[in-house]
Amino acid sequence: MRDDLALQLQGYRLTTAHILYHLPDHPAFLQSFTWQNLDMAPAFPRLRHFLDFWQREIEGALHSVTVGSTQLIKPAELRVAGLELRLH
């Protein structure tokens, strides 16, 4: 089992792909599929592997793929406070 936290620390990001594809029996109609996994931006090797598999093994021709990606673990933000309070 892979450790998602370890992958995120290595730079993997939550990646979501919205895939539109033509139905094999009715090519004029489009169907939607959502794929989500941790992947390495900007090359997205896991998504590319999945899309290569799709084109090789699945009859529905791809129409379009929209990709969104975000880091789940981000560096802490540092802000300077312009105020100092003292408690006695």
PDB file of N, CA and C in Angstrom:
ATOM      1  N   MET A   1       0.850  -1.185   0.000  1.00  0.00           N
ATOM      2  CA  MET A   1       0.000   0.000   0.000  1.00  0.00           C
ATOM      3  C   MET A   1       0.893   1.245   0.000  1.00  0.00           C
ATOM      4  N   ARG A   2       0.573   2.176  -0.854  1.00  0.00           N
ATOM      5  CA  ARG A   2       1.395   3.380  -0.920  1.00  0.00           C
ATOM      6  C   ARG A   2       1.011   4.352   0.183  1.00  0.00           C
ATOM      7  N   ASP A   3       1.947   5.143   0.597  1.00  0.00           N
ATOM      8  CA  ASP A   3       1.714   6.120   1.643  1.00  0.00           C
ATOM      9  C   ASP A   3       1.447   7.475   0.991  1.00  0.00           C
ATOM     10  N   ASP A   4       0.187   7.909   0.999  1.00  0.00           N
ATOM     11  CA  ASP A   4      -0.185   9.161   0.331  1.00  0.00           C
ATOM     12  C   ASP A   4       0.549  10.363   0.901  1.00  0.00           C
ATOM     13  N   LEU A   5       0.769  10.391   2.201  1.00  0.00           N
ATOM     14  CA  LEU A   5       1.486  11.508   2.808  1.00  0.00           C
ATOM     15  C   LEU A   5       2.913  11.579   2.279  1.00  0.00           C
ATOM     16  N   ALA A   6       3.569  10.431   2.174  1.00  0.00           N
ATOM     17  CA  ALA A   6       4.938  10.400   1.645  1.00  0.00           C
ATOM     18  C   ALA A   6       4.972  10.893   0.200  1.00  0.00           C
ATOM     19  N   LEU A   7       3.982  10.509  -0.594  1.00  0.00           N
ATOM     20  CA  LEU A   7       3.911  10.983  -1.976  1.00  0.00           C
ATOM     21  C   LEU A   7       3.724  12.497  -2.031  1.00  0.00           C
ATOM     22  N   GLN A   8       2.868  13.020  -1.169  1.00  0.00           N
ATOM     23  CA  GLN A   8       2.629  14.462  -1.149  1.00  0.00           C
ATOM     24  C   GLN A   8       3.887  15.215  -0.748  1.00  0.00           C
ATOM     25  N   LEU A   9       4.654  14.671   0.173  1.00  0.00           N
ATOM     26  CA  LEU A   9       5.900  15.303   0.575  1.00  0.00           C
ATOM     27  C   LEU A   9       6.941  15.268  -0.545  1.00  0.00           C
ATOM     28  N   GLN A  10       6.794  14.340  -1.473  1.00  0.00           N
ATOM     29  CA  GLN A  10       7.681  14.254  -2.630  1.00  0.00           C
ATOM     30  C   GLN A  10       7.234  15.158  -3.772  1.00  0.00           C
ATOM     31  N   GLY A  11       6.110  15.859  -3.596  1.00  0.00           N
ATOM     32  CA  GLY A  11       5.651  16.789  -4.621  1.00  0.00           C
ATOM     33  C   GLY A  11       4.428  16.347  -5.396  1.00  0.00           C
ATOM     34  N   TYR A  12       3.879  15.193  -5.067  1.00  0.00           N
ATOM     35  CA  TYR A  12       2.654  14.759  -5.741  1.00  0.00           C
ATOM     36  C   TYR A  12       1.489  15.636  -5.295  1.00  0.00           C
ATOM     37  N   ARG A  13       0.560  15.885  -6.212  1.00  0.00           N
ATOM     38  CA  ARG A  13      -0.596  16.736  -5.934  1.00  0.00           C
ATOM     39  C   ARG A  13      -1.879  15.981  -6.248  1.00  0.00           C
ATOM     40  N   LEU A  14      -2.949  16.387  -5.589  1.00  0.00           N
ATOM     41  CA  LEU A  14      -4.254  15.829  -5.931  1.00  0.00           C
ATOM     42  C   LEU A  14      -4.626  16.349  -7.312  1.00  0.00           C
ATOM     43  N   THR A  15      -4.835  15.431  -8.235  1.00  0.00           N
ATOM     44  CA  THR A  15      -5.129  15.781  -9.624  1.00  0.00           C
ATOM     45  C   THR A  15      -6.482  15.216  -9.993  1.00  0.00           C
ATOM     46  N   THR A  16      -7.311  16.056 -10.592  1.00  0.00           N
ATOM     47  CA  THR A  16      -8.630  15.641 -11.055  1.00  0.00           C
ATOM     48  C   THR A  16      -8.727  15.912 -12.551  1.00  0.00           C
ATOM     49  N   ALA A  17      -9.151  14.916 -13.298  1.00  0.00           N
ATOM     50  CA  ALA A  17      -9.335  15.067 -14.746  1.00  0.00           C
ATOM     51  C   ALA A  17     -10.797  14.820 -15.075  1.00  0.00           C
ATOM     52  N   HIS A  18     -11.393  15.772 -15.777  1.00  0.00           N
ATOM     53  CA  HIS A  18     -12.764  15.621 -16.274  1.00  0.00           C
ATOM     54  C   HIS A  18     -12.638  15.202 -17.728  1.00  0.00           C
ATOM     55  N   ILE A  19     -13.052  13.989 -18.022  1.00  0.00           N
ATOM     56  CA  ILE A  19     -12.865  13.400 -19.349  1.00  0.00           C
ATOM     57  C   ILE A  19     -14.209  13.314 -20.048  1.00  0.00           C
ATOM     58  N   LEU A  20     -14.272  13.874 -21.249  1.00  0.00           N
ATOM     59  CA  LEU A  20     -15.441  13.713 -22.105  1.00  0.00           C
ATOM     60  C   LEU A  20     -15.057  12.767 -23.231  1.00  0.00           C
ATOM     61  N   TYR A  21     -15.924  11.784 -23.494  1.00  0.00           N
ATOM     62  CA  TYR A  21     -15.633  10.818 -24.549  1.00  0.00           C
ATOM     63  C   TYR A  21     -16.905  10.494 -25.318  1.00  0.00           C
ATOM     64  N   HIS A  22     -16.713  10.043 -26.552  1.00  0.00           N
ATOM     65  CA  HIS A  22     -17.833   9.676 -27.424  1.00  0.00           C
ATOM     66  C   HIS A  22     -18.307   8.266 -27.070  1.00  0.00           C
ATOM     67  N   LEU A  23     -19.614   8.085 -26.992  1.00  0.00           N
ATOM     68  CA  LEU A  23     -20.160   6.746 -26.753  1.00  0.00           C
ATOM     69  C   LEU A  23     -19.891   5.878 -27.986  1.00  0.00           C
ATOM     70  N   PRO A  24     -19.416   4.663 -27.790  1.00  0.00           N
ATOM     71  CA  PRO A  24     -19.086   3.807 -28.946  1.00  0.00           C
ATOM     72  C   PRO A  24     -20.274   3.543 -29.866  1.00  0.00           C
ATOM     73  N   ASP A  25     -21.456   3.301 -29.292  1.00  0.00           N
ATOM     74  CA  ASP A  25     -22.634   2.986 -30.109  1.00  0.00           C
ATOM     75  C   ASP A  25     -23.320   4.224 -30.679  1.00  0.00           C
ATOM     76  N   HIS A  26     -23.084   5.382 -30.061  1.00  0.00           N
ATOM     77  CA  HIS A  26     -23.710   6.636 -30.495  1.00  0.00           C
ATOM     78  C   HIS A  26     -22.652   7.741 -30.462  1.00  0.00           C
ATOM     79  N   PRO A  27     -21.788   7.812 -31.461  1.00  0.00           N
ATOM     80  CA  PRO A  27     -20.654   8.742 -31.439  1.00  0.00           C
ATOM     81  C   PRO A  27     -21.043  10.219 -31.357  1.00  0.00           C
ATOM     82  N   ALA A  28     -22.280  10.554 -31.656  1.00  0.00           N
ATOM     83  CA  ALA A  28     -22.705  11.953 -31.568  1.00  0.00           C
ATOM     84  C   ALA A  28     -22.937  12.376 -30.110  1.00  0.00           C
ATOM     85  N   PHE A  29     -23.047  11.402 -29.203  1.00  0.00           N
ATOM     86  CA  PHE A  29     -23.286  11.695 -27.792  1.00  0.00           C
ATOM     87  C   PHE A  29     -21.983  11.627 -27.001  1.00  0.00           C
ATOM     88  N   LEU A  30     -21.872  12.536 -26.025  1.00  0.00           N
ATOM     89  CA  LEU A  30     -20.704  12.553 -25.154  1.00  0.00           C
ATOM     90  C   LEU A  30     -21.080  12.062 -23.762  1.00  0.00           C
ATOM     91  N   GLN A  31     -20.157  11.344 -23.152  1.00  0.00           N
ATOM     92  CA  GLN A  31     -20.316  10.867 -21.784  1.00  0.00           C
ATOM     93  C   GLN A  31     -19.197  11.481 -20.957  1.00  0.00           C
ATOM     94  N   SER A  32     -19.453  11.664 -19.665  1.00  0.00           N
ATOM     95  CA  SER A  32     -18.479  12.280 -18.775  1.00  0.00           C
ATOM     96  C   SER A  32     -17.907  11.242 -17.823  1.00  0.00           C
ATOM     97  N   PHE A  33     -16.611  11.371 -17.529  1.00  0.00           N
ATOM     98  CA  PHE A  33     -15.938  10.493 -16.578  1.00  0.00           C
ATOM     99  C   PHE A  33     -14.973  11.350 -15.764  1.00  0.00           C
ATOM    100  N   THR A  34     -14.920  11.135 -14.457  1.00  0.00           N
ATOM    101  CA  THR A  34     -14.007  11.884 -13.595  1.00  0.00           C
ATOM    102  C   THR A  34     -12.952  10.936 -13.039  1.00  0.00           C
ATOM    103  N   TRP A  35     -11.685  11.307 -13.231  1.00  0.00           N
ATOM    104  CA  TRP A  35     -10.540  10.540 -12.735  1.00  0.00           C
ATOM    105  C   TRP A  35      -9.839  11.385 -11.685  1.00  0.00           C
ATOM    106  N   GLN A  36      -9.466  10.772 -10.558  1.00  0.00           N
ATOM    107  CA  GLN A  36      -8.793  11.523  -9.502  1.00  0.00           C
ATOM    108  C   GLN A  36      -7.742  10.636  -8.847  1.00  0.00           C
ATOM    109  N   ASN A  37      -6.534  11.212  -8.681  1.00  0.00           N
ATOM    110  CA  ASN A  37      -5.438  10.479  -8.079  1.00  0.00           C
ATOM    111  C   ASN A  37      -4.341  11.466  -7.712  1.00  0.00           C
ATOM    112  N   LEU A  38      -3.369  11.032  -6.927  1.00  0.00           N
ATOM    113  CA  LEU A  38      -2.193  11.854  -6.682  1.00  0.00           C
ATOM    114  C   LEU A  38      -1.265  11.712  -7.884  1.00  0.00           C
ATOM    115  N   ASP A  39      -0.771  12.838  -8.391  1.00  0.00           N
ATOM    116  CA  ASP A  39       0.073  12.824  -9.574  1.00  0.00           C
ATOM    117  C   ASP A  39       1.079  13.959  -9.494  1.00  0.00           C
ATOM    118  N   MET A  40       2.112  13.887 -10.294  1.00  0.00           N
ATOM    119  CA  MET A  40       3.199  14.860 -10.274  1.00  0.00           C
ATOM    120  C   MET A  40       3.000  15.874 -11.407  1.00  0.00           C
ATOM    121  N   ALA A  41       2.716  17.122 -11.026  1.00  0.00           N
ATOM    122  CA  ALA A  41       2.548  18.183 -12.018  1.00  0.00           C
ATOM    123  C   ALA A  41       3.923  18.696 -12.424  1.00  0.00           C
ATOM    124  N   PRO A  42       4.130  19.206 -13.598  1.00  0.00           N
ATOM    125  CA  PRO A  42       3.176  19.383 -14.697  1.00  0.00           C
ATOM    126  C   PRO A  42       3.158  18.227 -15.697  1.00  0.00           C
ATOM    127  N   ALA A  43       3.986  17.194 -15.502  1.00  0.00           N
ATOM    128  CA  ALA A  43       4.044  16.098 -16.479  1.00  0.00           C
ATOM    129  C   ALA A  43       2.863  15.133 -16.357  1.00  0.00           C
ATOM    130  N   PHE A  44       2.303  14.978 -15.159  1.00  0.00           N
ATOM    131  CA  PHE A  44       1.168  14.088 -14.886  1.00  0.00           C
ATOM    132  C   PHE A  44       1.383  12.675 -15.452  1.00  0.00           C
ATOM    133  N   PRO A  45       2.426  11.951 -14.995  1.00  0.00           N
ATOM    134  CA  PRO A  45       2.698  10.618 -15.550  1.00  0.00           C
ATOM    135  C   PRO A  45       1.583   9.605 -15.299  1.00  0.00           C
ATOM    136  N   ARG A  46       0.934   9.660 -14.152  1.00  0.00           N
ATOM    137  CA  ARG A  46      -0.152   8.697 -13.874  1.00  0.00           C
ATOM    138  C   ARG A  46      -1.358   8.962 -14.777  1.00  0.00           C
ATOM    139  N   LEU A  47      -1.701  10.229 -14.956  1.00  0.00           N
ATOM    140  CA  LEU A  47      -2.820  10.568 -15.845  1.00  0.00           C
ATOM    141  C   LEU A  47      -2.488  10.166 -17.280  1.00  0.00           C
ATOM    142  N   ARG A  48      -1.281  10.442 -17.727  1.00  0.00           N
ATOM    143  CA  ARG A  48      -0.887  10.058 -19.091  1.00  0.00           C
ATOM    144  C   ARG A  48      -0.952   8.538 -19.269  1.00  0.00           C
ATOM    145  N   HIS A  49      -0.506   7.801 -18.259  1.00  0.00           N
ATOM    146  CA  HIS A  49      -0.572   6.341 -18.307  1.00  0.00           C
ATOM    147  C   HIS A  49      -2.027   5.885 -18.426  1.00  0.00           C
ATOM    148  N   PHE A  50      -2.920   6.494 -17.632  1.00  0.00           N
ATOM    149  CA  PHE A  50      -4.335   6.149 -17.692  1.00  0.00           C
ATOM    150  C   PHE A  50      -4.928   6.479 -19.060  1.00  0.00           C
ATOM    151  N   LEU A  51      -4.604   7.649 -19.611  1.00  0.00           N
ATOM    152  CA  LEU A  51      -5.141   8.034 -20.922  1.00  0.00           C
ATOM    153  C   LEU A  51      -4.588   7.155 -22.041  1.00  0.00           C
ATOM    154  N   ASP A  52      -3.333   6.742 -21.943  1.00  0.00           N
ATOM    155  CA  ASP A  52      -2.777   5.796 -22.915  1.00  0.00           C
ATOM    156  C   ASP A  52      -3.528   4.468 -22.859  1.00  0.00           C
ATOM    157  N   PHE A  53      -3.804   3.995 -21.628  1.00  0.00           N
ATOM    158  CA  PHE A  53      -4.597   2.772 -21.459  1.00  0.00           C
ATOM    159  C   PHE A  53      -5.982   2.949 -22.091  1.00  0.00           C
ATOM    160  N   TRP A  54      -6.608   4.099 -21.842  1.00  0.00           N
ATOM    161  CA  TRP A  54      -7.944   4.378 -22.374  1.00  0.00           C
ATOM    162  C   TRP A  54      -7.928   4.261 -23.898  1.00  0.00           C
ATOM    163  N   GLN A  55      -6.981   4.924 -24.534  1.00  0.00           N
ATOM    164  CA  GLN A  55      -6.942   4.931 -25.998  1.00  0.00           C
ATOM    165  C   GLN A  55      -6.650   3.547 -26.571  1.00  0.00           C
ATOM    166  N   ARG A  56      -5.893   2.742 -25.834  1.00  0.00           N
ATOM    167  CA  ARG A  56      -5.547   1.396 -26.288  1.00  0.00           C
ATOM    168  C   ARG A  56      -6.679   0.394 -26.073  1.00  0.00           C
ATOM    169  N   GLU A  57      -7.382   0.474 -24.936  1.00  0.00           N
ATOM    170  CA  GLU A  57      -8.280  -0.597 -24.504  1.00  0.00           C
ATOM    171  C   GLU A  57      -9.772  -0.262 -24.515  1.00  0.00           C
ATOM    172  N   ILE A  58     -10.131   1.011 -24.517  1.00  0.00           N
ATOM    173  CA  ILE A  58     -11.544   1.385 -24.399  1.00  0.00           C
ATOM    174  C   ILE A  58     -12.037   1.938 -25.732  1.00  0.00           C
ATOM    175  N   GLU A  59     -13.226   1.522 -26.121  1.00  0.00           N
ATOM    176  CA  GLU A  59     -13.760   1.877 -27.434  1.00  0.00           C
ATOM    177  C   GLU A  59     -14.188   3.332 -27.551  1.00  0.00           C
ATOM    178  N   GLY A  60     -14.563   3.971 -26.458  1.00  0.00           N
ATOM    179  CA  GLY A  60     -15.039   5.357 -26.521  1.00  0.00           C
ATOM    180  C   GLY A  60     -13.900   6.320 -26.815  1.00  0.00           C
ATOM    181  N   ALA A  61     -13.953   6.978 -27.967  1.00  0.00           N
ATOM    182  CA  ALA A  61     -12.893   7.917 -28.358  1.00  0.00           C
ATOM    183  C   ALA A  61     -12.934   9.155 -27.466  1.00  0.00           C
ATOM    184  N   LEU A  62     -11.754   9.605 -27.053  1.00  0.00           N
ATOM    185  CA  LEU A  62     -11.670  10.797 -26.206  1.00  0.00           C
ATOM    186  C   LEU A  62     -12.065  12.037 -26.988  1.00  0.00           C
ATOM    187  N   HIS A  63     -12.840  12.887 -26.344  1.00  0.00           N
ATOM    188  CA  HIS A  63     -13.213  14.174 -26.923  1.00  0.00           C
ATOM    189  C   HIS A  63     -12.344  15.280 -26.332  1.00  0.00           C
ATOM    190  N   SER A  64     -12.303  15.345 -24.984  1.00  0.00           N
ATOM    191  CA  SER A  64     -11.491  16.366 -24.319  1.00  0.00           C
ATOM    192  C   SER A  64     -11.183  15.921 -22.889  1.00  0.00           C
ATOM    193  N   VAL A  65     -10.091  16.479 -22.362  1.00  0.00           N
ATOM    194  CA  VAL A  65      -9.675  16.209 -20.990  1.00  0.00           C
ATOM    195  C   VAL A  65      -9.335  17.541 -20.344  1.00  0.00           C
ATOM    196  N   THR A  66     -10.000  17.851 -19.231  1.00  0.00           N
ATOM    197  CA  THR A  66      -9.729  19.066 -18.466  1.00  0.00           C
ATOM    198  C   THR A  66      -9.092  18.648 -17.149  1.00  0.00           C
ATOM    199  N   VAL A  67      -7.930  19.237 -16.846  1.00  0.00           N
ATOM    200  CA  VAL A  67      -7.159  18.813 -15.682  1.00  0.00           C
ATOM    201  C   VAL A  67      -7.085  19.939 -14.658  1.00  0.00           C
ATOM    202  N   GLY A  68      -7.299  19.583 -13.398  1.00  0.00           N
ATOM    203  CA  GLY A  68      -7.115  20.498 -12.283  1.00  0.00           C
ATOM    204  C   GLY A  68      -6.202  19.830 -11.273  1.00  0.00           C
ATOM    205  N   SER A  69      -5.313  20.621 -10.645  1.00  0.00           N
ATOM    206  CA  SER A  69      -4.356  20.052  -9.716  1.00  0.00           C
ATOM    207  C   SER A  69      -4.088  21.049  -8.601  1.00  0.00           C
ATOM    208  N   THR A  70      -3.948  20.546  -7.386  1.00  0.00           N
ATOM    209  CA  THR A  70      -3.642  21.413  -6.258  1.00  0.00           C
ATOM    210  C   THR A  70      -2.775  20.679  -5.256  1.00  0.00           C
ATOM    211  N   GLN A  71      -1.887  21.411  -4.597  1.00  0.00           N
ATOM    212  CA  GLN A  71      -1.096  20.834  -3.523  1.00  0.00           C
ATOM    213  C   GLN A  71      -1.962  20.749  -2.280  1.00  0.00           C
ATOM    214  N   LEU A  72      -1.935  19.609  -1.604  1.00  0.00           N
ATOM    215  CA  LEU A  72      -2.683  19.467  -0.365  1.00  0.00           C
ATOM    216  C   LEU A  72      -1.845  19.912   0.821  1.00  0.00           C
ATOM    217  N   ILE A  73      -0.550  19.677   0.733  1.00  0.00           N
ATOM    218  CA  ILE A  73       0.358  20.111   1.783  1.00  0.00           C
ATOM    219  C   ILE A  73       1.156  21.274   1.225  1.00  0.00           C
ATOM    220  N   LYS A  74       1.027  22.419   1.856  1.00  0.00           N
ATOM    221  CA  LYS A  74       1.687  23.627   1.379  1.00  0.00           C
ATOM    222  C   LYS A  74       2.605  24.158   2.471  1.00  0.00           C
ATOM    223  N   PRO A  75       3.637  24.893   2.083  1.00  0.00           N
ATOM    224  CA  PRO A  75       4.481  25.501   3.106  1.00  0.00           C
ATOM    225  C   PRO A  75       3.679  26.466   3.965  1.00  0.00           C
ATOM    226  N   ALA A  76       4.053  26.570   5.204  1.00  0.00           N
ATOM    227  CA  ALA A  76       3.350  27.483   6.110  1.00  0.00           C
ATOM    228  C   ALA A  76       3.528  28.921   5.634  1.00  0.00           C
ATOM    229  N   GLU A  77       2.499  29.694   5.803  1.00  0.00           N
ATOM    230  CA  GLU A  77       2.570  31.107   5.447  1.00  0.00           C
ATOM    231  C   GLU A  77       3.159  31.888   6.612  1.00  0.00           C
ATOM    232  N   LEU A  78       4.036  32.813   6.315  1.00  0.00           N
ATOM    233  CA  LEU A  78       4.660  33.631   7.339  1.00  0.00           C
ATOM    234  C   LEU A  78       4.175  35.057   7.158  1.00  0.00           C
ATOM    235  N   ARG A  79       3.599  35.616   8.222  1.00  0.00           N
ATOM    236  CA  ARG A  79       3.137  36.999   8.184  1.00  0.00           C
ATOM    237  C   ARG A  79       3.707  37.747   9.374  1.00  0.00           C
ATOM    238  N   VAL A  80       4.085  38.971   9.136  1.00  0.00           N
ATOM    239  CA  VAL A  80       4.617  39.804  10.202  1.00  0.00           C
ATOM    240  C   VAL A  80       3.460  40.531  10.869  1.00  0.00           C
ATOM    241  N   ALA A  81       3.395  40.420  12.184  1.00  0.00           N
ATOM    242  CA  ALA A  81       2.338  41.104  12.927  1.00  0.00           C
ATOM    243  C   ALA A  81       2.789  42.533  13.212  1.00  0.00           C
ATOM    244  N   GLY A  82       1.921  43.472  13.021  1.00  0.00           N
ATOM    245  CA  GLY A  82       2.243  44.866  13.282  1.00  0.00           C
ATOM    246  C   GLY A  82       1.811  45.297  14.675  1.00  0.00           C
ATOM    247  N   LEU A  83       1.682  44.330  15.607  1.00  0.00           N
ATOM    248  CA  LEU A  83       1.139  44.622  16.923  1.00  0.00           C
ATOM    249  C   LEU A  83       1.830  43.737  17.949  1.00  0.00           C
ATOM    250  N   GLU A  84       2.109  44.276  19.101  1.00  0.00           N
ATOM    251  CA  GLU A  84       2.693  43.502  20.191  1.00  0.00           C
ATOM    252  C   GLU A  84       1.827  43.699  21.418  1.00  0.00           C
ATOM    253  N   LEU A  85       1.407  42.620  22.056  1.00  0.00           N
ATOM    254  CA  LEU A  85       0.569  42.674  23.251  1.00  0.00           C
ATOM    255  C   LEU A  85       1.342  42.076  24.419  1.00  0.00           C
ATOM    256  N   ARG A  86       1.197  42.670  25.617  1.00  0.00           N
ATOM    257  CA  ARG A  86       1.834  42.155  26.824  1.00  0.00           C
ATOM    258  C   ARG A  86       0.786  41.890  27.883  1.00  0.00           C
ATOM    259  N   LEU A  87       0.940  40.746  28.527  1.00  0.00           N
ATOM    260  CA  LEU A  87       0.050  40.396  29.626  1.00  0.00           C
ATOM    261  C   LEU A  87       0.856  40.427  30.911  1.00  0.00           C
ATOM    262  N   HIS A  88       0.283  41.036  31.986  1.00  0.00           N
ATOM    263  CA  HIS A  88       0.976  41.101  33.274  1.00  0.00           C
ATOM    264  C   HIS A  88       0.312  40.159  34.246  1.00  0.00           C
TER     265      HIS A  88
END
